[in-house]
Amino acid sequence: MTITTTTLSRAAGLAAVAGGLLFIAVQIKHPLLDAPFTTTTEYAVRETAKILMAALSLIGITGIYLRQVRQTGVLGLIGYILLGVGYLTILSIQVIGVFVLPDLAASNPGYVKDVLAVATSGTPIGDVGRMQTLSQVAITYIVGGVIFGIALFRANISPRWAAALMSVGAVATVATFQLPELTQRLFAIPVGVALIGLGYSLWREQRTAAAQAVTGTVSSPLDPADAK
């Protein structure tokens, strides 16, 4: 199979769709996070899915950005960088959640509880060290989502409703800091839907372009030198 920019763009579109679907799926019936829950199979499955979600979403927004890099300009670049850093931070936090926290749950449940409190915008009782800093860096996900959505909306290449929903969903995340944990998870749905819409649009556009290219090649006139 020949790797082309069209193929990579279609793959990025599918990655964004998959990332959005996972973002929504992991929120469904999500239990409250506590130290005992980190030792369960369900926790491992959900957190691993979040790692995959962050990776796929990062690939997806990269393809979406590169498709309209000229149209989005400096605002798009800033939004993409901040949102990309946000997804990388989320991925890092989830890796720690899967491979580190379960081992500490038995020996140091208080620390695990505090880390989970930070992850859900709560207030830790003790010192969680650099995990607090890492969690604060994740704010770039919110700021980047807002700016990236605005840049896409202005470019008017991707569906404007999806671009607007990304910005609105990111802004709404700020309001969840004072809400119960389970209620917070409902606010992930708009961003997930936005990713699905943006990714599907990119995939469909590139699929149509590839089909038109094939049709044009097949229907092109024969070279007179070959017509004997």
C-alpha atoms as a PDB file:
ATOM      1  CA  MET A   1       0.000   0.000   0.000  1.00  0.00           C
ATOM      2  CA  THR A   2       1.265   3.435  -0.970  1.00  0.00           C
ATOM      3  CA  ILE A   3       1.409   5.901   1.900  1.00  0.00           C
ATOM      4  CA  THR A   4       0.161   9.308   0.773  1.00  0.00           C
ATOM      5  CA  THR A   5      -0.895  12.492   2.539  1.00  0.00           C
ATOM      6  CA  THR A   6      -4.487  11.549   1.745  1.00  0.00           C
ATOM      7  CA  THR A   7      -4.053   8.151   3.410  1.00  0.00           C
ATOM      8  CA  LEU A   8      -2.485   9.730   6.493  1.00  0.00           C
ATOM      9  CA  SER A   9      -5.225  12.371   6.687  1.00  0.00           C
ATOM     10  CA  ARG A  10      -7.948   9.710   6.482  1.00  0.00           C
ATOM     11  CA  ALA A  11      -6.183   7.725   9.213  1.00  0.00           C
ATOM     12  CA  ALA A  12      -5.995  10.857  11.375  1.00  0.00           C
ATOM     13  CA  GLY A  13      -9.721  11.429  10.840  1.00  0.00           C
ATOM     14  CA  LEU A  14     -10.517   7.902  11.972  1.00  0.00           C
ATOM     15  CA  ALA A  15      -8.204   8.356  14.969  1.00  0.00           C
ATOM     16  CA  ALA A  16     -10.146  11.474  16.005  1.00  0.00           C
ATOM     17  CA  VAL A  17     -13.446   9.598  15.690  1.00  0.00           C
ATOM     18  CA  ALA A  18     -12.100   6.681  17.751  1.00  0.00           C
ATOM     19  CA  GLY A  19     -10.670   9.069  20.350  1.00  0.00           C
ATOM     20  CA  GLY A  20     -14.005  10.873  20.680  1.00  0.00           C
ATOM     21  CA  LEU A  21     -15.924   7.608  21.021  1.00  0.00           C
ATOM     22  CA  LEU A  22     -13.530   6.354  23.706  1.00  0.00           C
ATOM     23  CA  PHE A  23     -13.730   9.679  25.548  1.00  0.00           C
ATOM     24  CA  ILE A  24     -17.490   9.255  25.808  1.00  0.00           C
ATOM     25  CA  ALA A  25     -17.436   5.498  26.464  1.00  0.00           C
ATOM     26  CA  VAL A  26     -15.084   5.644  29.470  1.00  0.00           C
ATOM     27  CA  GLN A  27     -17.436   8.079  31.218  1.00  0.00           C
ATOM     28  CA  ILE A  28     -20.426   5.714  31.125  1.00  0.00           C
ATOM     29  CA  LYS A  29     -21.213   4.356  34.604  1.00  0.00           C
ATOM     30  CA  HIS A  30     -17.777   5.406  35.839  1.00  0.00           C
ATOM     31  CA  PRO A  31     -17.417   4.517  39.540  1.00  0.00           C
ATOM     32  CA  LEU A  32     -16.074   6.989  42.064  1.00  0.00           C
ATOM     33  CA  LEU A  33     -12.287   7.007  42.148  1.00  0.00           C
ATOM     34  CA  ASP A  34     -10.749   5.783  45.392  1.00  0.00           C
ATOM     35  CA  ALA A  35      -7.731   3.742  46.447  1.00  0.00           C
ATOM     36  CA  PRO A  36      -9.473   0.313  46.515  1.00  0.00           C
ATOM     37  CA  PHE A  37     -10.887   0.869  43.025  1.00  0.00           C
ATOM     38  CA  THR A  38      -7.378   1.284  41.574  1.00  0.00           C
ATOM     39  CA  THR A  39      -6.667  -2.399  42.232  1.00  0.00           C
ATOM     40  CA  THR A  40      -9.635  -3.667  40.204  1.00  0.00           C
ATOM     41  CA  THR A  41      -9.718  -4.965  36.654  1.00  0.00           C
ATOM     42  CA  GLU A  42     -12.337  -2.388  35.721  1.00  0.00           C
ATOM     43  CA  TYR A  43      -9.996   0.410  36.754  1.00  0.00           C
ATOM     44  CA  ALA A  44      -7.163  -1.036  34.650  1.00  0.00           C
ATOM     45  CA  VAL A  45      -9.438  -1.343  31.614  1.00  0.00           C
ATOM     46  CA  ARG A  46     -10.869   2.165  31.931  1.00  0.00           C
ATOM     47  CA  GLU A  47      -7.497   3.846  32.510  1.00  0.00           C
ATOM     48  CA  THR A  48      -5.902   1.932  29.627  1.00  0.00           C
ATOM     49  CA  ALA A  49      -8.762   3.079  27.406  1.00  0.00           C
ATOM     50  CA  LYS A  50      -8.028   6.658  28.484  1.00  0.00           C
ATOM     51  CA  ILE A  51      -4.395   6.239  27.449  1.00  0.00           C
ATOM     52  CA  LEU A  52      -5.550   5.052  24.032  1.00  0.00           C
ATOM     53  CA  MET A  53      -8.065   7.905  23.883  1.00  0.00           C
ATOM     54  CA  ALA A  54      -5.386  10.532  24.525  1.00  0.00           C
ATOM     55  CA  ALA A  55      -3.021   9.030  21.931  1.00  0.00           C
ATOM     56  CA  LEU A  56      -5.724   8.729  19.247  1.00  0.00           C
ATOM     57  CA  SER A  57      -7.038  12.223  19.957  1.00  0.00           C
ATOM     58  CA  LEU A  58      -3.546  13.679  19.624  1.00  0.00           C
ATOM     59  CA  ILE A  59      -3.117  11.971  16.261  1.00  0.00           C
ATOM     60  CA  GLY A  60      -6.570  13.168  15.244  1.00  0.00           C
ATOM     61  CA  ILE A  61      -6.082  16.850  16.075  1.00  0.00           C
ATOM     62  CA  THR A  62      -2.699  16.749  14.319  1.00  0.00           C
ATOM     63  CA  GLY A  63      -4.356  15.655  11.087  1.00  0.00           C
ATOM     64  CA  ILE A  64      -7.180  18.165  11.529  1.00  0.00           C
ATOM     65  CA  TYR A  65      -4.687  20.982  12.099  1.00  0.00           C
ATOM     66  CA  LEU A  66      -2.403  20.086   9.181  1.00  0.00           C
ATOM     67  CA  ARG A  67      -5.396  19.986   6.836  1.00  0.00           C
ATOM     68  CA  GLN A  68      -6.053  23.683   7.490  1.00  0.00           C
ATOM     69  CA  VAL A  69      -2.712  24.972   8.742  1.00  0.00           C
ATOM     70  CA  ARG A  70      -2.758  27.988   6.404  1.00  0.00           C
ATOM     71  CA  GLN A  71      -6.367  28.928   7.125  1.00  0.00           C
ATOM     72  CA  THR A  72      -6.067  28.759  10.918  1.00  0.00           C
ATOM     73  CA  GLY A  73      -2.868  30.822  11.045  1.00  0.00           C
ATOM     74  CA  VAL A  74      -1.062  31.680  14.262  1.00  0.00           C
ATOM     75  CA  LEU A  75      -4.211  31.197  16.355  1.00  0.00           C
ATOM     76  CA  GLY A  76      -4.525  27.645  15.096  1.00  0.00           C
ATOM     77  CA  LEU A  77      -0.868  26.936  15.838  1.00  0.00           C
ATOM     78  CA  ILE A  78      -1.191  28.200  19.410  1.00  0.00           C
ATOM     79  CA  GLY A  79      -4.378  26.234  19.971  1.00  0.00           C
ATOM     80  CA  TYR A  80      -2.890  23.056  18.503  1.00  0.00           C
ATOM     81  CA  ILE A  81       0.281  23.265  20.605  1.00  0.00           C
ATOM     82  CA  LEU A  82      -1.625  23.895  23.847  1.00  0.00           C
ATOM     83  CA  LEU A  83      -4.190  21.179  23.128  1.00  0.00           C
ATOM     84  CA  GLY A  84      -1.412  18.782  22.130  1.00  0.00           C
ATOM     85  CA  VAL A  85       0.436  19.439  25.387  1.00  0.00           C
ATOM     86  CA  GLY A  86      -2.847  18.885  27.208  1.00  0.00           C
ATOM     87  CA  TYR A  87      -3.366  15.476  25.616  1.00  0.00           C
ATOM     88  CA  LEU A  88       0.259  14.491  26.277  1.00  0.00           C
ATOM     89  CA  THR A  89      -0.194  15.461  29.917  1.00  0.00           C
ATOM     90  CA  ILE A  90      -3.416  13.472  30.174  1.00  0.00           C
ATOM     91  CA  LEU A  91      -1.655  10.487  28.616  1.00  0.00           C
ATOM     92  CA  SER A  92       1.189  10.787  31.144  1.00  0.00           C
ATOM     93  CA  ILE A  93      -1.207  10.995  34.080  1.00  0.00           C
ATOM     94  CA  GLN A  94      -3.109   7.940  32.887  1.00  0.00           C
ATOM     95  CA  VAL A  95       0.084   5.934  32.435  1.00  0.00           C
ATOM     96  CA  ILE A  96       0.958   6.708  36.048  1.00  0.00           C
ATOM     97  CA  GLY A  97      -2.574   5.782  37.026  1.00  0.00           C
ATOM     98  CA  VAL A  98      -2.324   2.366  35.367  1.00  0.00           C
ATOM     99  CA  PHE A  99       1.231   1.337  36.205  1.00  0.00           C
ATOM    100  CA  VAL A 100       2.013   3.121  39.491  1.00  0.00           C
ATOM    101  CA  LEU A 101      -1.062   3.827  41.619  1.00  0.00           C
ATOM    102  CA  PRO A 102      -2.305   0.202  41.917  1.00  0.00           C
ATOM    103  CA  ASP A 103       1.046  -0.821  43.434  1.00  0.00           C
ATOM    104  CA  LEU A 104       0.833   2.016  45.981  1.00  0.00           C
ATOM    105  CA  ALA A 105      -2.801   1.403  46.912  1.00  0.00           C
ATOM    106  CA  ALA A 106      -1.918  -1.144  49.606  1.00  0.00           C
ATOM    107  CA  SER A 107       1.254   0.447  51.009  1.00  0.00           C
ATOM    108  CA  ASN A 108       0.281   4.109  50.778  1.00  0.00           C
ATOM    109  CA  PRO A 109      -3.491   4.461  50.256  1.00  0.00           C
ATOM    110  CA  GLY A 110      -3.466   8.037  51.579  1.00  0.00           C
ATOM    111  CA  TYR A 111      -1.142   9.193  48.804  1.00  0.00           C
ATOM    112  CA  VAL A 112      -3.224   7.408  46.178  1.00  0.00           C
ATOM    113  CA  LYS A 113      -6.364   9.044  47.538  1.00  0.00           C
ATOM    114  CA  ASP A 114      -4.728  12.465  47.335  1.00  0.00           C
ATOM    115  CA  VAL A 115      -3.550  11.882  43.759  1.00  0.00           C
ATOM    116  CA  LEU A 116      -7.057  10.849  42.744  1.00  0.00           C
ATOM    117  CA  ALA A 117      -8.436  13.938  44.470  1.00  0.00           C
ATOM    118  CA  VAL A 118      -6.135  16.123  42.379  1.00  0.00           C
ATOM    119  CA  ALA A 119      -7.154  14.241  39.228  1.00  0.00           C
ATOM    120  CA  THR A 120     -10.811  15.005  39.892  1.00  0.00           C
ATOM    121  CA  SER A 121     -10.233  18.674  40.783  1.00  0.00           C
ATOM    122  CA  GLY A 122     -10.521  17.946  44.505  1.00  0.00           C
ATOM    123  CA  THR A 123      -8.341  19.086  47.390  1.00  0.00           C
ATOM    124  CA  PRO A 124      -5.646  16.656  48.572  1.00  0.00           C
ATOM    125  CA  ILE A 125      -4.989  16.331  52.292  1.00  0.00           C
ATOM    126  CA  GLY A 126      -1.290  15.575  51.930  1.00  0.00           C
ATOM    127  CA  ASP A 127       1.511  16.514  49.561  1.00  0.00           C
ATOM    128  CA  VAL A 128       1.434  14.748  46.184  1.00  0.00           C
ATOM    129  CA  GLY A 129       4.666  16.312  44.966  1.00  0.00           C
ATOM    130  CA  ARG A 130       5.119  16.740  41.237  1.00  0.00           C
ATOM    131  CA  MET A 131       1.793  15.095  40.490  1.00  0.00           C
ATOM    132  CA  GLN A 132       0.244  18.407  41.530  1.00  0.00           C
ATOM    133  CA  THR A 133       2.378  20.225  38.950  1.00  0.00           C
ATOM    134  CA  LEU A 134       1.565  17.674  36.258  1.00  0.00           C
ATOM    135  CA  SER A 135      -2.123  18.060  36.968  1.00  0.00           C
ATOM    136  CA  GLN A 136      -1.823  21.836  36.678  1.00  0.00           C
ATOM    137  CA  VAL A 137      -0.135  21.520  33.283  1.00  0.00           C
ATOM    138  CA  ALA A 138      -3.248  19.692  32.101  1.00  0.00           C
ATOM    139  CA  ILE A 139      -5.039  23.076  32.129  1.00  0.00           C
ATOM    140  CA  THR A 140      -3.527  23.519  28.657  1.00  0.00           C
ATOM    141  CA  TYR A 141      -6.139  21.000  27.495  1.00  0.00           C
ATOM    142  CA  ILE A 142      -8.891  23.494  28.381  1.00  0.00           C
ATOM    143  CA  VAL A 143      -7.163  26.608  27.041  1.00  0.00           C
ATOM    144  CA  GLY A 144      -5.998  24.797  23.912  1.00  0.00           C
ATOM    145  CA  GLY A 145      -9.448  23.346  23.277  1.00  0.00           C
ATOM    146  CA  VAL A 146     -11.012  26.803  23.393  1.00  0.00           C
ATOM    147  CA  ILE A 147      -8.434  28.429  21.101  1.00  0.00           C
ATOM    148  CA  PHE A 148      -8.257  25.485  18.682  1.00  0.00           C
ATOM    149  CA  GLY A 149     -12.046  25.394  18.372  1.00  0.00           C
ATOM    150  CA  ILE A 150     -12.169  29.130  17.656  1.00  0.00           C
ATOM    151  CA  ALA A 151      -9.437  28.813  15.018  1.00  0.00           C
ATOM    152  CA  LEU A 152     -11.273  25.964  13.290  1.00  0.00           C
ATOM    153  CA  PHE A 153     -14.546  27.888  13.423  1.00  0.00           C
ATOM    154  CA  ARG A 154     -12.922  30.905  11.760  1.00  0.00           C
ATOM    155  CA  ALA A 155     -11.232  28.754   9.092  1.00  0.00           C
ATOM    156  CA  ASN A 156     -14.665  27.373   8.107  1.00  0.00           C
ATOM    157  CA  ILE A 157     -13.312  24.158   6.592  1.00  0.00           C
ATOM    158  CA  SER A 158     -14.360  21.653   9.235  1.00  0.00           C
ATOM    159  CA  PRO A 159     -18.011  21.667  10.382  1.00  0.00           C
ATOM    160  CA  ARG A 160     -18.468  24.871  12.329  1.00  0.00           C
ATOM    161  CA  TRP A 161     -20.857  23.218  14.792  1.00  0.00           C
ATOM    162  CA  ALA A 162     -18.124  20.737  15.770  1.00  0.00           C
ATOM    163  CA  ALA A 163     -15.519  23.506  16.111  1.00  0.00           C
ATOM    164  CA  ALA A 164     -17.898  25.562  18.265  1.00  0.00           C
ATOM    165  CA  LEU A 165     -18.766  22.518  20.374  1.00  0.00           C
ATOM    166  CA  MET A 166     -15.076  21.897  21.060  1.00  0.00           C
ATOM    167  CA  SER A 167     -14.656  25.434  22.415  1.00  0.00           C
ATOM    168  CA  VAL A 168     -17.899  25.322  24.395  1.00  0.00           C
ATOM    169  CA  GLY A 169     -17.055  21.889  25.809  1.00  0.00           C
ATOM    170  CA  ALA A 170     -13.615  23.073  26.908  1.00  0.00           C
ATOM    171  CA  VAL A 171     -15.065  26.177  28.579  1.00  0.00           C
ATOM    172  CA  ALA A 172     -17.721  24.063  30.321  1.00  0.00           C
ATOM    173  CA  THR A 173     -14.946  21.935  31.822  1.00  0.00           C
ATOM    174  CA  VAL A 174     -13.929  24.904  33.969  1.00  0.00           C
ATOM    175  CA  ALA A 175     -17.399  24.972  35.529  1.00  0.00           C
ATOM    176  CA  THR A 176     -17.083  21.328  36.578  1.00  0.00           C
ATOM    177  CA  PHE A 177     -14.341  22.016  39.120  1.00  0.00           C
ATOM    178  CA  GLN A 178     -16.954  22.713  41.785  1.00  0.00           C
ATOM    179  CA  LEU A 179     -19.267  19.861  40.776  1.00  0.00           C
ATOM    180  CA  PRO A 180     -19.375  16.269  42.090  1.00  0.00           C
ATOM    181  CA  GLU A 181     -17.034  13.847  40.328  1.00  0.00           C
ATOM    182  CA  LEU A 182     -19.750  11.876  38.536  1.00  0.00           C
ATOM    183  CA  THR A 183     -21.400  15.063  37.293  1.00  0.00           C
ATOM    184  CA  GLN A 184     -18.060  16.280  35.932  1.00  0.00           C
ATOM    185  CA  ARG A 185     -17.895  13.311  33.606  1.00  0.00           C
ATOM    186  CA  LEU A 186     -21.017  14.405  31.725  1.00  0.00           C
ATOM    187  CA  PHE A 187     -19.121  17.454  30.488  1.00  0.00           C
ATOM    188  CA  ALA A 188     -16.686  15.231  28.584  1.00  0.00           C
ATOM    189  CA  ILE A 189     -19.442  14.311  26.123  1.00  0.00           C
ATOM    190  CA  PRO A 190     -19.474  17.617  24.140  1.00  0.00           C
ATOM    191  CA  VAL A 191     -15.720  17.420  23.466  1.00  0.00           C
ATOM    192  CA  GLY A 192     -16.072  13.762  22.493  1.00  0.00           C
ATOM    193  CA  VAL A 193     -18.873  14.578  20.044  1.00  0.00           C
ATOM    194  CA  ALA A 194     -16.808  17.466  18.638  1.00  0.00           C
ATOM    195  CA  LEU A 195     -13.864  15.137  17.990  1.00  0.00           C
ATOM    196  CA  ILE A 196     -16.149  12.653  16.261  1.00  0.00           C
ATOM    197  CA  GLY A 197     -17.605  15.385  14.031  1.00  0.00           C
ATOM    198  CA  LEU A 198     -14.219  16.891  13.140  1.00  0.00           C
ATOM    199  CA  GLY A 199     -12.638  13.501  12.524  1.00  0.00           C
ATOM    200  CA  TYR A 200     -15.483  12.197  10.371  1.00  0.00           C
ATOM    201  CA  SER A 201     -15.432  15.388   8.303  1.00  0.00           C
ATOM    202  CA  LEU A 202     -11.697  15.010   7.643  1.00  0.00           C
ATOM    203  CA  TRP A 203     -12.069  11.321   6.750  1.00  0.00           C
ATOM    204  CA  ARG A 204     -15.008  11.942   4.400  1.00  0.00           C
ATOM    205  CA  GLU A 205     -13.283  14.867   2.675  1.00  0.00           C
ATOM    206  CA  GLN A 206     -10.119  12.878   2.015  1.00  0.00           C
ATOM    207  CA  ARG A 207     -12.116   9.828   0.914  1.00  0.00           C
ATOM    208  CA  THR A 208     -14.017  11.961  -1.584  1.00  0.00           C
ATOM    209  CA  ALA A 209     -10.794  13.534  -2.845  1.00  0.00           C
ATOM    210  CA  ALA A 210      -9.206  10.111  -3.330  1.00  0.00           C
ATOM    211  CA  ALA A 211     -12.268   8.824  -5.198  1.00  0.00           C
ATOM    212  CA  GLN A 212     -12.258  11.858  -7.494  1.00  0.00           C
ATOM    213  CA  ALA A 213      -8.552  11.394  -8.195  1.00  0.00           C
ATOM    214  CA  VAL A 214      -9.111   7.775  -9.185  1.00  0.00           C
ATOM    215  CA  THR A 215     -12.070   8.694 -11.375  1.00  0.00           C
ATOM    216  CA  GLY A 216     -10.076  11.435 -13.084  1.00  0.00           C
ATOM    217  CA  THR A 217      -7.230   9.017 -13.832  1.00  0.00           C
ATOM    218  CA  VAL A 218      -9.539   6.381 -15.293  1.00  0.00           C
ATOM    219  CA  SER A 219     -11.487   8.844 -17.443  1.00  0.00           C
ATOM    220  CA  SER A 220      -8.448  10.738 -18.775  1.00  0.00           C
ATOM    221  CA  PRO A 221      -7.991  10.550 -22.563  1.00  0.00           C
ATOM    222  CA  LEU A 222      -5.464   8.123 -24.005  1.00  0.00           C
ATOM    223  CA  ASP A 223      -2.077   9.410 -25.010  1.00  0.00           C
ATOM    224  CA  PRO A 224      -2.142   9.801 -28.797  1.00  0.00           C
ATOM    225  CA  ALA A 225       1.155   7.944 -28.954  1.00  0.00           C
ATOM    226  CA  ASP A 226      -0.549   4.887 -27.410  1.00  0.00           C
ATOM    227  CA  ALA A 227      -3.610   4.998 -29.602  1.00  0.00           C
ATOM    228  CA  LYS A 228      -2.516   2.855 -32.527  1.00  0.00           C
END
